Protein backbone atom coordinates (compact mmCIF):
# COMPACT_ATOMS: atom_id res chain seq x y z
CA MET A 1 135.77 129.65 114.35
CA HIS A 2 135.77 129.26 110.59
CA ARG A 3 132.96 130.98 108.74
CA ALA A 4 131.68 130.04 105.33
CA THR A 5 132.38 132.47 102.52
CA LYS A 6 129.79 133.52 99.98
CA THR A 7 130.83 135.25 96.76
CA ILE A 8 128.49 137.84 95.25
CA GLN A 9 129.10 139.01 91.70
CA VAL A 10 129.03 142.82 91.37
CA ARG A 11 127.72 144.34 88.17
CA PRO A 12 130.18 146.75 86.49
CA GLY A 13 129.04 150.35 86.81
CA SER A 14 126.77 149.68 89.80
CA GLU A 15 126.88 151.73 93.02
CA LEU A 16 128.55 148.81 94.80
CA ASP A 17 131.14 148.61 92.01
CA ARG A 18 131.95 152.30 92.56
CA LEU A 19 132.28 151.80 96.33
CA LEU A 20 134.52 148.78 95.91
CA ALA A 21 136.83 150.82 93.68
CA GLU A 22 137.47 153.09 96.70
CA ILE A 23 138.83 150.29 98.89
CA ASP A 24 142.39 150.92 97.70
CA SER A 25 142.36 154.43 99.20
CA VAL A 26 139.98 154.24 102.20
CA ASP A 27 138.62 151.72 104.70
CA LEU A 28 135.09 150.79 103.68
CA GLN A 29 132.41 150.03 106.26
CA PHE A 30 128.67 149.55 106.01
CA GLU A 31 126.27 150.25 108.87
CA ARG A 32 122.82 148.77 109.33
CA ASP A 33 120.74 149.29 112.47
CA GLY A 34 123.82 150.33 114.45
CA VAL A 35 125.86 147.28 113.40
CA ARG A 36 129.00 147.97 111.36
CA TYR A 37 130.43 145.67 108.70
CA ARG A 38 133.95 146.01 107.33
CA ILE A 39 134.82 145.13 103.74
CA ASN A 40 138.39 144.01 103.07
CA ARG A 41 140.04 143.36 99.74
CA VAL A 42 141.24 139.79 99.30
CA GLU A 43 144.66 139.88 97.68
CA GLU A 44 144.86 136.16 97.07
CA GLU A 45 143.01 133.03 97.97
CA LEU A 46 144.02 131.73 101.37
CA SER A 47 145.30 128.21 101.39
CA ASN A 48 144.24 125.66 103.99
CA ASP A 49 147.68 124.10 103.65
CA ILE A 50 149.75 125.68 106.44
CA TRP A 51 152.91 124.25 104.90
CA SER A 52 152.38 125.65 101.38
CA ASP A 53 154.95 128.46 101.83
CA TYR A 54 157.25 126.61 104.23
CA ASP A 55 160.94 126.94 103.45
CA PRO A 56 163.06 124.77 105.78
CA ASP A 57 166.26 126.66 104.91
CA LEU A 58 164.64 129.99 105.75
CA ALA A 59 163.26 128.56 109.02
CA LEU A 60 166.70 127.26 109.99
CA ALA A 61 168.27 130.62 109.17
CA GLY A 62 165.74 132.32 111.48
CA ILE A 63 166.50 129.91 114.30
CA ARG A 64 170.24 130.43 113.87
CA SER A 65 169.89 134.22 113.82
CA ALA A 66 167.93 134.11 117.11
CA ALA A 67 170.35 131.74 118.81
CA GLY A 68 171.99 133.38 121.82
CA SER A 69 169.87 136.53 121.64
CA TRP A 70 168.79 136.07 125.28
CA SER A 71 172.21 135.07 126.59
CA ASP A 72 172.54 138.29 128.61
CA ILE A 73 169.24 137.75 130.48
CA ASP A 74 169.33 136.60 134.11
CA ALA A 75 167.17 133.48 133.82
CA GLU A 76 166.53 133.15 137.57
CA ALA A 77 165.42 136.79 137.86
CA LEU A 78 163.12 136.32 134.86
CA LYS A 79 161.52 133.21 136.40
CA ASP A 80 161.07 135.01 139.75
CA GLU A 81 159.33 137.92 137.99
CA LEU A 82 157.05 135.50 136.10
CA TYR A 83 156.03 133.77 139.33
CA ARG A 84 155.33 137.14 141.02
CA ALA A 85 153.23 138.23 138.03
CA ARG A 86 151.20 135.01 138.23
CA GLU A 87 150.52 135.61 141.92
CA ARG A 88 149.35 139.19 141.20
CA GLY A 89 146.99 137.89 138.54
CA SER A 90 145.56 139.70 135.55
CA PRO A 91 144.50 143.33 135.81
CA PRO A 92 140.77 143.99 135.71
CA SER A 93 139.36 144.28 132.19
CA THR A 94 138.19 147.83 132.97
CA ARG A 95 141.76 149.02 133.49
CA PRO A 96 143.45 150.47 130.38
């Protein structure tokens, strides 16, 4: 779910300005009525264009470097284990 972003200008020298200066060395959280809020530093604006940093040559190099990396795996044994795991189902959410 995409949430809207609201930018708030912080006055230099304010208490919030001082707290924001600490973000580089510590994780900063606010708490109000038992609810915690985490503040993260935004290094750069996120792009909605998923292809903006795509490099086809780099992608092809990654595919080629992975080629054959599973050649020593017994495919039938792997499929049998997957089917058995599906039959067992997921562990209960209370189990660590």
